[in-house]
C-alpha cells in the first residue's frame, strides 16, 4: 500500500483517478497498450476520456435488472481505491459519421460512480461495429459474454435470458425464422461460462418465451373451460352431476395419467346411458412444434382404443359396445396462422402415431398381469401399494367392489395366483414386496 497524498492508502495495483489533463493523457497512453479481446462484432479504434455529462443512462446492455444499488456498491468498492492498472475501461461505439454514441455498451455502474463522486471525465474504449453485425450483437458479445470480472459483477441467468430474447427479436425483425437450434448455438456461445443446467434452462426458456409463443398459444385449464363456455359448451369435472345425454370432459393431452380420471366417470356415465364427448388441450410448454399437438392427442386416443380392445377381449360375450358412448370432441385454437381463433377445432384420430398397448388377456387375472408388466420391469421390485395404484383405474371401471378393503383383497388373491403360476416372486422377509419373474 502506498500513500498518494490524498489522505487514503492506495493498493500498489491502483493509481489515483486522474484529475488533470496531463494525468489523463498518461493514463490513456498506459491503457492503449493493454491487450484487448478480439471481438467479432466490433473493432477497437482508440482510448479517450469523455465528459460524464455527455453519457446518458441506458438500461445496462448485459443486465436484466438494469442498474441497482447492490451492484453499484460492489463496483464502488473497487473504484474508491483508484483506477486499477490492467483493467480495460467501459466501451462506447462510434457512429458512422464519427461522433460517439451517448451511451455505454458496458460500465454503466462505473459511470454512475464517477457521476456521483464529482468526476468530470471518465476513460472509455471507442469501438466501431464490424460489417455484418449490429449494435445488439455488440451488446451481446461485449456487454454479456465479456462482462468484466471479478471486481466488476458478472452476468447472471436473467441477464442472459434478457439478451437472448432481444437477440431473437432482432433476428425476427430481419425476417429470419429462429429455430431451437439457432438459440442453442447462441446460448453455447455467450453463456459459455455458465453450468450445463443453466445453459439448458436458457435454451428452453428463450425458445418458449420468444419463439414458441409466436406460433403456439398456451392456455391454463380455467382459460380453456372459459373458451368452451363462450362456445356454449359446459365442461364438467368428474364429480359434477350430469343432467344431459352428452357430457363434455376436458383433459390435458400431454398427461399420460389422464385415463385414471377419465375411465371411472366414463363407465359410470355409460352405465346410465350418458355419452361422453372427449375434448383435449395441450400445455405448449411440453412441446416444441405445432405438429406435436396432433401427435399428443392421437396418442391419448390410441391409448383409449387399446383399452376398448382389451375390454372387448375380457367381456367377449357382451353385446355392449362402449365406443358408442364416446364422442370425439374438440380442442381450443392453439396454432397461430392455422387455427381459427373464433371457434373450437374438431379432433380426429388421423393416424396411429405409436403402437398401442395390447393386452392379450382372456380374464381379469390376465388383465392384472398385463397391467403389472406395463408398469414394472422384470426383476424390478414393487410394493403391494404400487400394484393397487397401477391396477385400480381399470378394475374399478370393470368390477364392483364394496370397499377399498374388498378391492385390495381381490388384488392380493390375484397376486398369489400369479406367484403360484411362477410369474411373480414374493419376498418372504420383505412383507408386501414383489417382483416380476417374466
Protein backbone atom coordinates (compact mmCIF):
# COMPACT_ATOMS: atom_id res chain seq x y z
CA UNK A 1 0.00 0.00 0.00
CA UNK A 2 1.32 3.47 -0.83
CA UNK A 3 0.18 6.92 0.27
CA UNK A 4 -0.50 9.06 -2.80
CA UNK A 5 -1.06 12.25 -0.83
CA UNK A 6 -4.85 12.29 -0.94
CA UNK A 7 -5.35 11.11 2.62
CA UNK A 8 -6.06 7.47 1.62
CA UNK A 9 -3.92 4.41 1.10
CA UNK A 10 -4.00 3.11 -2.48
CA UNK A 11 -3.02 -0.50 -3.29
CA UNK A 12 0.03 -0.94 -5.48
CA UNK A 13 -2.01 -2.10 -8.48
CA UNK A 14 -4.16 1.07 -8.39
CA UNK A 15 -3.39 4.69 -9.26
CA UNK A 16 -5.38 7.78 -8.23
CA UNK A 17 -8.13 8.75 -10.64
CA UNK A 18 -6.57 11.44 -12.88
CA UNK A 19 -7.79 15.00 -12.35
CA UNK A 20 -5.53 16.99 -14.68
CA UNK A 21 -5.10 16.80 -18.43
CA UNK A 22 -1.53 15.54 -18.09
CA UNK A 23 -2.65 12.77 -15.74
CA UNK A 24 -5.42 11.81 -18.14
CA UNK A 25 -3.01 11.69 -21.09
CA UNK A 26 -0.64 9.46 -19.13
CA UNK A 27 -3.44 7.04 -18.30
CA UNK A 28 -4.58 6.97 -21.94
CA UNK A 29 -1.05 6.00 -23.01
CA UNK A 30 -0.99 3.30 -20.33
CA UNK A 31 -4.36 1.79 -21.23
CA UNK A 32 -3.81 1.90 -25.01
CA UNK A 33 -1.12 -0.72 -24.56
CA UNK A 34 -3.39 -3.23 -22.84
CA UNK A 35 -4.31 -6.48 -24.57
CA UNK A 36 -7.95 -6.48 -25.68
CA UNK A 37 -10.31 -9.30 -26.65
CA UNK A 38 -10.67 -9.86 -30.37
CA UNK A 39 -14.38 -9.17 -30.65
CA UNK A 40 -16.21 -10.44 -33.72
CA UNK A 41 -18.95 -7.81 -33.57
CA UNK A 42 -16.81 -4.68 -33.20
CA UNK A 43 -13.32 -3.31 -33.76
CA UNK A 44 -11.20 -1.28 -31.32
CA UNK A 45 -10.36 2.25 -32.50
CA UNK A 46 -8.84 4.25 -29.65
CA UNK A 47 -8.99 5.12 -25.95
CA UNK A 48 -10.05 8.55 -24.72
CA UNK A 49 -11.66 10.49 -21.90
CA UNK A 50 -15.25 11.68 -22.31
CA UNK A 51 -17.34 14.12 -20.31
CA UNK A 52 -19.61 12.16 -17.98
CA UNK A 53 -22.42 14.63 -18.77
CA UNK A 54 -22.36 13.51 -22.41
CA UNK A 55 -23.34 9.98 -21.41
CA UNK A 56 -26.99 9.11 -20.94
CA UNK A 57 -28.12 6.38 -18.60
CA UNK A 58 -29.20 3.46 -20.72
CA UNK A 59 -30.51 0.18 -19.37
CA UNK A 60 -27.36 -1.83 -18.86
CA UNK A 61 -26.77 -3.75 -22.06
CA UNK A 62 -25.95 -7.02 -20.36
CA UNK A 63 -28.36 -6.90 -17.43
CA UNK A 64 -32.00 -7.80 -16.91
CA UNK A 65 -32.45 -5.58 -13.86
CA UNK A 66 -30.54 -2.63 -15.31
CA UNK A 67 -28.60 -0.69 -12.70
CA UNK A 68 -29.12 -1.33 -9.00
CA UNK A 69 -27.62 -0.29 -5.70
CA UNK A 70 -26.09 -3.63 -4.79
CA UNK A 71 -24.09 -3.80 -7.99
CA UNK A 72 -23.08 -0.15 -7.67
CA UNK A 73 -21.82 -0.85 -4.16
CA UNK A 74 -19.64 -3.72 -5.43
CA UNK A 75 -18.20 -1.60 -8.23
CA UNK A 76 -17.72 1.38 -5.92
CA UNK A 77 -15.55 -0.58 -3.51
CA UNK A 78 -13.06 -1.10 -6.31
CA UNK A 79 -13.22 2.42 -7.75
CA UNK A 80 -12.72 4.00 -4.33
CA UNK A 81 -9.20 2.58 -4.39
CA UNK A 82 -8.42 4.37 -7.66
CA UNK A 83 -8.08 3.23 -11.25
CA UNK A 84 -7.00 -0.40 -11.34
CA UNK A 85 -3.99 -0.91 -13.59
CA UNK A 86 -4.54 -3.57 -16.22
CA UNK A 87 -8.31 -3.09 -16.25
CA UNK A 88 -9.99 -2.14 -19.51
CA UNK A 89 -12.37 0.84 -19.45
CA UNK A 90 -16.05 0.79 -20.48
CA UNK A 91 -16.88 0.57 -24.18
CA UNK A 92 -18.58 3.20 -26.34
CA UNK A 93 -19.47 2.96 -30.02
CA UNK A 94 -18.58 5.42 -32.75
CA UNK A 95 -21.28 6.30 -35.24
CA UNK A 96 -20.71 6.14 -38.98
CA UNK A 97 -20.25 9.92 -39.10
CA UNK A 98 -17.50 9.85 -36.48
CA UNK A 99 -19.42 11.09 -33.44
CA UNK A 100 -19.74 8.89 -30.37
CA UNK A 101 -22.97 7.33 -29.21
CA UNK A 102 -24.27 8.79 -25.95
CA UNK A 103 -24.44 5.50 -24.05
CA UNK A 104 -22.10 2.79 -22.81
CA UNK A 105 -22.09 -0.81 -24.01
CA UNK A 106 -20.86 -1.84 -20.56
CA UNK A 107 -19.71 0.01 -17.46
CA UNK A 108 -22.89 1.90 -16.57
CA UNK A 109 -22.23 1.31 -12.89
CA UNK A 110 -18.75 2.80 -13.24
CA UNK A 111 -20.28 5.84 -14.94
CA UNK A 112 -22.79 6.19 -12.11
CA UNK A 113 -19.97 6.13 -9.58
CA UNK A 114 -17.93 8.76 -11.44
CA UNK A 115 -21.02 10.98 -11.75
CA UNK A 116 -21.94 10.62 -8.09
CA UNK A 117 -18.41 11.37 -6.89
CA UNK A 118 -17.82 14.62 -8.75
CA UNK A 119 -15.62 13.45 -11.61
CA UNK A 120 -15.95 15.42 -14.85
CA UNK A 121 -14.35 12.83 -17.14
CA UNK A 122 -14.12 9.07 -17.40
CA UNK A 123 -11.96 6.82 -19.54
CA UNK A 124 -13.56 4.76 -22.34
CA UNK A 125 -12.53 2.49 -25.20
CA UNK A 126 -14.07 3.51 -28.52
CA UNK A 127 -15.15 0.78 -30.96
CA UNK A 128 -16.96 0.63 -34.28
CA UNK A 129 -19.47 -2.04 -35.27
CA UNK A 130 -17.98 -4.63 -37.62
CA UNK A 131 -19.53 -5.27 -41.01
CA UNK A 132 -22.39 -7.74 -40.86
CA UNK A 133 -23.15 -7.02 -37.19
CA UNK A 134 -25.36 -4.55 -35.39
CA UNK A 135 -25.44 -2.70 -32.09
CA UNK A 136 -27.37 -5.53 -30.41
CA UNK A 137 -24.67 -8.03 -31.38
CA UNK A 138 -22.08 -5.80 -29.70
CA UNK A 139 -24.22 -5.66 -26.56
CA UNK A 140 -24.38 -9.47 -26.53
CA UNK A 141 -20.67 -10.01 -27.03
CA UNK A 142 -19.19 -7.12 -25.03
CA UNK A 143 -21.93 -6.43 -22.51
CA UNK A 144 -22.78 -10.07 -21.79
CA UNK A 145 -20.09 -12.57 -22.75
CA UNK A 146 -17.20 -10.29 -21.77
CA UNK A 147 -18.83 -8.59 -18.78
CA UNK A 148 -15.85 -7.57 -16.58
CA UNK A 149 -14.88 -9.94 -13.78
CA UNK A 150 -14.11 -10.33 -10.92
CA UNK A 151 -14.04 -6.81 -9.40
CA UNK A 152 -16.95 -5.91 -11.62
CA UNK A 153 -20.09 -8.03 -11.40
CA UNK A 154 -20.61 -10.95 -13.73
CA UNK A 155 -23.76 -11.65 -15.72
CA UNK A 156 -26.48 -13.83 -14.19
CA UNK A 157 -29.29 -16.01 -15.53
CA UNK A 158 -31.74 -13.14 -16.02
CA UNK A 159 -29.08 -11.15 -17.87
CA UNK A 160 -28.51 -13.95 -20.37
CA UNK A 161 -32.23 -14.52 -20.80
CA UNK A 162 -32.93 -10.82 -21.43
CA UNK A 163 -30.18 -10.58 -24.04
CA UNK A 164 -31.26 -13.86 -25.63
CA UNK A 165 -34.81 -12.61 -26.03
CA UNK A 166 -33.51 -9.37 -27.53
CA UNK A 167 -31.35 -11.34 -29.97
CA UNK A 168 -34.33 -13.41 -31.12
CA UNK A 169 -36.36 -10.25 -31.75
CA UNK A 170 -33.55 -8.76 -33.83
CA UNK A 171 -33.41 -11.86 -36.00
CA UNK A 172 -37.18 -11.84 -36.46
CA UNK A 173 -37.07 -8.17 -37.45
CA UNK A 174 -34.61 -9.20 -40.17
CA UNK A 175 -37.12 -11.77 -41.44
CA UNK A 176 -35.18 -14.74 -40.04
CA UNK A 177 -37.17 -17.68 -38.69
CA UNK A 178 -35.42 -18.51 -35.44
CA UNK A 179 -35.19 -22.21 -34.57
CA UNK A 180 -34.35 -24.02 -31.36
CA UNK A 181 -31.00 -24.98 -32.89
CA UNK A 182 -30.13 -21.32 -33.51
CA UNK A 183 -30.96 -20.43 -29.91
CA UNK A 184 -28.86 -23.36 -28.70
CA UNK A 185 -25.87 -22.01 -30.63
CA UNK A 186 -26.38 -18.51 -29.23
CA UNK A 187 -26.52 -19.82 -25.65
CA UNK A 188 -23.45 -22.01 -26.12
CA UNK A 189 -21.53 -19.01 -27.45
CA UNK A 190 -22.49 -16.34 -24.92
CA UNK A 191 -23.23 -18.38 -21.78
CA UNK A 192 -20.10 -20.47 -22.12
CA UNK A 193 -19.04 -19.69 -18.53
CA UNK A 194 -22.31 -20.99 -17.06
CA UNK A 195 -23.19 -24.50 -15.89
CA UNK A 196 -24.72 -27.06 -18.24
CA UNK A 197 -28.01 -26.85 -16.32
CA UNK A 198 -28.12 -23.06 -16.66
CA UNK A 199 -27.46 -23.28 -20.39
CA UNK A 200 -30.15 -25.95 -20.78
CA UNK A 201 -32.73 -23.79 -18.99
CA UNK A 202 -31.75 -20.75 -21.04
CA UNK A 203 -32.21 -22.62 -24.31
CA UNK A 204 -35.64 -23.86 -23.28
CA UNK A 205 -36.93 -20.61 -21.79
CA UNK A 206 -35.72 -18.29 -24.55
CA UNK A 207 -37.39 -20.52 -27.13
CA UNK A 208 -40.60 -20.83 -25.12
CA UNK A 209 -40.97 -17.11 -24.43
CA UNK A 210 -39.92 -15.52 -27.69
CA UNK A 211 -40.25 -18.15 -30.42
CA UNK A 212 -42.84 -20.71 -29.40
CA UNK A 213 -45.34 -18.07 -28.31
CA UNK A 214 -45.19 -16.61 -31.81
CA UNK A 215 -46.77 -19.74 -33.33
CA UNK A 216 -48.32 -21.60 -30.38
CA UNK A 217 -50.85 -20.31 -27.87
CA UNK A 218 -50.75 -21.69 -24.36
CA UNK A 219 -53.75 -21.82 -22.05
CA UNK A 220 -54.43 -22.65 -18.44
CA UNK A 221 -57.27 -25.07 -17.80
CA UNK A 222 -59.60 -22.31 -16.49
CA UNK A 223 -58.95 -20.34 -19.69
CA UNK A 224 -59.86 -23.35 -21.82
CA UNK A 225 -63.01 -24.01 -19.80
CA UNK A 226 -64.00 -20.37 -20.29
CA UNK A 227 -63.38 -20.64 -24.04
CA UNK A 228 -65.67 -23.67 -24.24
CA UNK A 229 -68.29 -21.83 -22.22
CA UNK A 230 -68.16 -18.97 -24.73
CA UNK A 231 -68.82 -21.60 -27.40
CA UNK A 232 -71.89 -22.78 -25.45
CA UNK A 233 -70.28 -25.98 -24.18
CA UNK A 234 -70.06 -26.67 -20.45
CA UNK A 235 -67.03 -28.66 -19.28
CA UNK A 236 -67.90 -30.78 -16.23
CA UNK A 237 -65.47 -32.27 -13.74
CA UNK A 238 -65.79 -35.88 -12.67
CA UNK A 239 -67.81 -35.24 -9.52
CA UNK A 240 -70.38 -32.93 -11.10
CA UNK A 241 -73.97 -34.07 -11.60
CA UNK A 242 -74.81 -34.84 -15.23
CA UNK A 243 -78.29 -33.88 -16.41
CA UNK A 244 -77.77 -34.11 -20.18
CA UNK A 245 -77.49 -37.01 -22.63
CA UNK A 246 -73.94 -35.95 -23.57
CA UNK A 247 -71.37 -34.72 -21.06
CA UNK A 248 -68.27 -32.74 -22.08
CA UNK A 249 -64.98 -33.70 -20.43
CA UNK A 250 -61.64 -31.93 -20.87
CA UNK A 251 -58.12 -33.32 -20.46
CA UNK A 252 -54.58 -32.03 -20.99
CA UNK A 253 -53.13 -34.23 -23.74
CA UNK A 254 -49.51 -34.35 -22.57
CA UNK A 255 -50.51 -36.07 -19.31
CA UNK A 256 -50.36 -39.85 -19.67
CA UNK A 257 -52.24 -40.36 -16.40
CA UNK A 258 -55.43 -38.85 -17.82
CA UNK A 259 -57.07 -42.29 -18.04
CA UNK A 260 -57.15 -42.55 -14.25
CA UNK A 261 -59.57 -39.63 -14.18
CA UNK A 262 -61.41 -40.40 -17.41
CA UNK A 263 -62.28 -44.11 -17.20
CA UNK A 264 -64.24 -44.29 -13.92
CA UNK A 265 -66.52 -41.39 -14.83
CA UNK A 266 -66.84 -42.60 -18.43
CA UNK A 267 -68.02 -46.05 -17.35
CA UNK A 268 -70.30 -44.62 -14.68
CA UNK A 269 -71.92 -42.32 -17.25
CA UNK A 270 -72.16 -45.10 -19.86
CA UNK A 271 -73.98 -47.30 -17.34
CA UNK A 272 -76.64 -44.58 -17.18
CA UNK A 273 -76.83 -44.26 -20.96
CA UNK A 274 -74.89 -40.96 -20.99
CA UNK A 275 -72.37 -40.35 -23.75
CA UNK A 276 -69.05 -38.59 -23.11
CA UNK A 277 -67.67 -36.01 -25.51
CA UNK A 278 -63.88 -36.10 -25.14
CA UNK A 279 -62.05 -32.78 -25.52
CA UNK A 280 -58.34 -32.03 -25.21
CA UNK A 281 -55.98 -29.10 -24.90
CA UNK A 282 -52.16 -29.10 -24.85
CA UNK A 283 -49.82 -27.34 -22.46
CA UNK A 284 -47.38 -25.97 -25.02
CA UNK A 285 -44.53 -25.76 -22.51
CA UNK A 286 -44.25 -29.52 -23.04
CA UNK A 287 -43.83 -29.34 -26.84
CA UNK A 288 -41.70 -27.54 -29.42
CA UNK A 289 -43.68 -27.81 -32.67
CA UNK A 290 -47.28 -27.40 -33.77
CA UNK A 291 -47.38 -30.98 -35.09
CA UNK A 292 -46.95 -32.26 -31.55
CA UNK A 293 -50.45 -31.04 -30.64
CA UNK A 294 -51.98 -33.57 -33.02
CA UNK A 295 -49.42 -36.19 -32.03
CA UNK A 296 -50.24 -35.96 -28.33
CA UNK A 297 -53.99 -36.07 -28.90
CA UNK A 298 -53.60 -39.07 -31.21
CA UNK A 299 -51.51 -40.82 -28.56
CA UNK A 300 -54.25 -40.35 -25.99
CA UNK A 301 -56.91 -41.64 -28.39
CA UNK A 302 -54.76 -44.65 -29.27
CA UNK A 303 -54.45 -45.46 -25.58
CA UNK A 304 -58.21 -45.34 -25.24
CA UNK A 305 -58.64 -47.56 -28.30
CA UNK A 306 -56.35 -50.09 -26.68
CA UNK A 307 -58.43 -50.10 -23.52
CA UNK A 308 -61.62 -50.68 -25.51
CA UNK A 309 -59.96 -53.53 -27.42
CA UNK A 310 -58.82 -55.13 -24.18
CA UNK A 311 -62.21 -54.81 -22.55
CA UNK A 312 -63.78 -56.47 -25.58
CA UNK A 313 -61.48 -59.45 -25.09
CA UNK A 314 -62.31 -59.64 -21.38
CA UNK A 315 -66.05 -59.35 -21.96
CA UNK A 316 -66.24 -61.13 -25.29
CA UNK A 317 -69.84 -62.20 -24.67
CA UNK A 318 -71.08 -58.67 -24.04
CA UNK A 319 -73.32 -57.10 -26.65
CA UNK A 320 -72.47 -53.62 -25.38
CA UNK A 321 -70.01 -51.58 -27.46
CA UNK A 322 -68.52 -48.93 -25.21
CA UNK A 323 -67.32 -46.92 -28.21
CA UNK A 324 -70.95 -45.98 -28.80
CA UNK A 325 -70.75 -43.91 -25.63
CA UNK A 326 -67.69 -41.94 -26.76
CA UNK A 327 -67.90 -38.83 -28.93
CA UNK A 328 -64.73 -37.19 -30.22
CA UNK A 329 -64.91 -33.53 -29.29
CA UNK A 330 -62.58 -30.63 -29.98
CA UNK A 331 -59.60 -28.64 -28.83
CA UNK A 332 -59.15 -24.88 -28.43
CA UNK A 333 -57.32 -22.98 -31.19
CA UNK A 334 -53.60 -23.06 -30.38
CA UNK A 335 -51.73 -22.95 -33.70
CA UNK A 336 -51.21 -19.36 -34.87
CA UNK A 337 -51.95 -18.69 -38.58
CA UNK A 338 -53.54 -22.15 -38.90
CA UNK A 339 -56.39 -22.38 -36.41
CA UNK A 340 -59.41 -20.09 -36.47
CA UNK A 341 -59.36 -18.38 -33.08
CA UNK A 342 -63.12 -17.78 -33.08
CA UNK A 343 -64.13 -21.43 -32.86
CA UNK A 344 -63.21 -24.83 -31.48
CA UNK A 345 -61.10 -27.19 -33.59
CA UNK A 346 -62.59 -30.70 -34.11
CA UNK A 347 -60.26 -33.55 -33.13
CA UNK A 348 -59.83 -36.66 -35.25
CA UNK A 349 -57.61 -39.66 -34.78
CA UNK A 350 -55.99 -39.27 -38.19
CA UNK A 351 -53.22 -41.83 -37.79
CA UNK A 352 -51.62 -44.23 -35.38
CA UNK A 353 -48.58 -42.44 -34.07
CA UNK A 354 -47.38 -45.17 -31.74
CA UNK A 355 -48.08 -48.83 -31.22
CA UNK A 356 -50.95 -49.13 -28.76
CA UNK A 357 -50.55 -51.29 -25.69
CA UNK A 358 -52.20 -54.62 -26.43
CA UNK A 359 -53.41 -56.81 -23.58
CA UNK A 360 -53.82 -60.40 -24.72
CA UNK A 361 -55.94 -61.16 -21.71
CA UNK A 362 -58.86 -63.55 -21.58
CA UNK A 363 -59.82 -62.90 -17.95
CA UNK A 364 -59.28 -60.43 -15.14
CA UNK A 365 -56.26 -62.29 -13.76
CA UNK A 366 -54.54 -61.95 -17.12
CA UNK A 367 -55.52 -58.29 -17.27
CA UNK A 368 -53.90 -57.74 -13.86
CA UNK A 369 -50.72 -59.46 -15.03
CA UNK A 370 -50.57 -57.43 -18.24
CA UNK A 371 -51.01 -54.17 -16.30
CA UNK A 372 -48.15 -55.16 -13.99
CA UNK A 373 -45.87 -55.91 -16.95
CA UNK A 374 -46.64 -52.49 -18.40
CA UNK A 375 -45.71 -50.73 -15.16
CA UNK A 376 -42.77 -52.76 -13.87
CA UNK A 377 -39.72 -54.38 -15.44
CA UNK A 378 -38.70 -58.00 -14.86
CA UNK A 379 -36.82 -58.27 -11.53
CA UNK A 380 -37.88 -54.73 -10.58
CA UNK A 381 -39.19 -54.59 -7.02
CA UNK A 382 -42.65 -53.14 -6.41
CA UNK A 383 -44.91 -52.94 -3.39
CA UNK A 384 -48.49 -54.03 -2.94
CA UNK A 385 -49.48 -50.36 -2.76
CA UNK A 386 -47.84 -49.69 -6.12
CA UNK A 387 -49.73 -52.63 -7.59
CA UNK A 388 -53.02 -51.35 -6.17
CA UNK A 389 -52.41 -47.91 -7.68
CA UNK A 390 -51.45 -49.27 -11.11
CA UNK A 391 -54.47 -51.59 -11.38
CA UNK A 392 -57.15 -49.55 -9.60
CA UNK A 393 -58.44 -47.42 -12.50
CA UNK A 394 -59.07 -50.41 -14.74
CA UNK A 395 -60.59 -52.70 -12.14
CA UNK A 396 -62.94 -50.16 -10.62
CA UNK A 397 -64.18 -49.47 -14.13
CA UNK A 398 -64.80 -53.19 -14.75
CA UNK A 399 -65.78 -54.59 -11.37
CA UNK A 400 -68.00 -53.68 -8.45
CA UNK A 401 -66.23 -53.58 -5.07
CA UNK A 402 -67.98 -53.00 -1.77
CA UNK A 403 -64.98 -51.16 -0.36
CA UNK A 404 -61.29 -50.44 -0.78
CA UNK A 405 -60.62 -53.40 1.52
CA UNK A 406 -62.58 -55.67 -0.80
CA UNK A 407 -60.63 -54.37 -3.80
CA UNK A 408 -57.27 -54.94 -2.12
CA UNK A 409 -58.26 -58.45 -1.06
CA UNK A 410 -59.14 -59.29 -4.66
CA UNK A 411 -55.82 -57.99 -6.00
CA UNK A 412 -53.84 -59.79 -3.28
CA UNK A 413 -55.55 -63.03 -4.24
CA UNK A 414 -54.61 -62.46 -7.88
CA UNK A 415 -51.00 -61.70 -6.89
CA UNK A 416 -50.91 -65.01 -5.02
CA UNK A 417 -52.28 -66.79 -8.09
CA UNK A 418 -49.57 -65.20 -10.24
CA UNK A 419 -46.98 -66.30 -7.68
CA UNK A 420 -48.25 -69.88 -7.79
CA UNK A 421 -48.06 -69.70 -11.58
CA UNK A 422 -44.38 -68.70 -11.35
CA UNK A 423 -44.85 -65.24 -12.85
CA UNK A 424 -44.11 -63.10 -9.80
CA UNK A 425 -41.98 -63.57 -6.69
CA UNK A 426 -42.82 -62.75 -3.07
CA UNK A 427 -40.02 -61.62 -0.76
CA UNK A 428 -40.66 -63.53 2.48
CA UNK A 429 -38.52 -61.16 4.55
CA UNK A 430 -39.98 -58.00 2.98
CA UNK A 431 -43.70 -58.03 3.61
CA UNK A 432 -45.72 -56.68 0.72
CA UNK A 433 -42.82 -56.55 -1.76
CA UNK A 434 -42.82 -58.38 -5.11
CA UNK A 435 -41.05 -58.59 -8.45
CA UNK A 436 -41.93 -59.92 -11.88
CA UNK A 437 -40.12 -63.07 -12.96
CA UNK A 438 -41.18 -62.91 -16.60
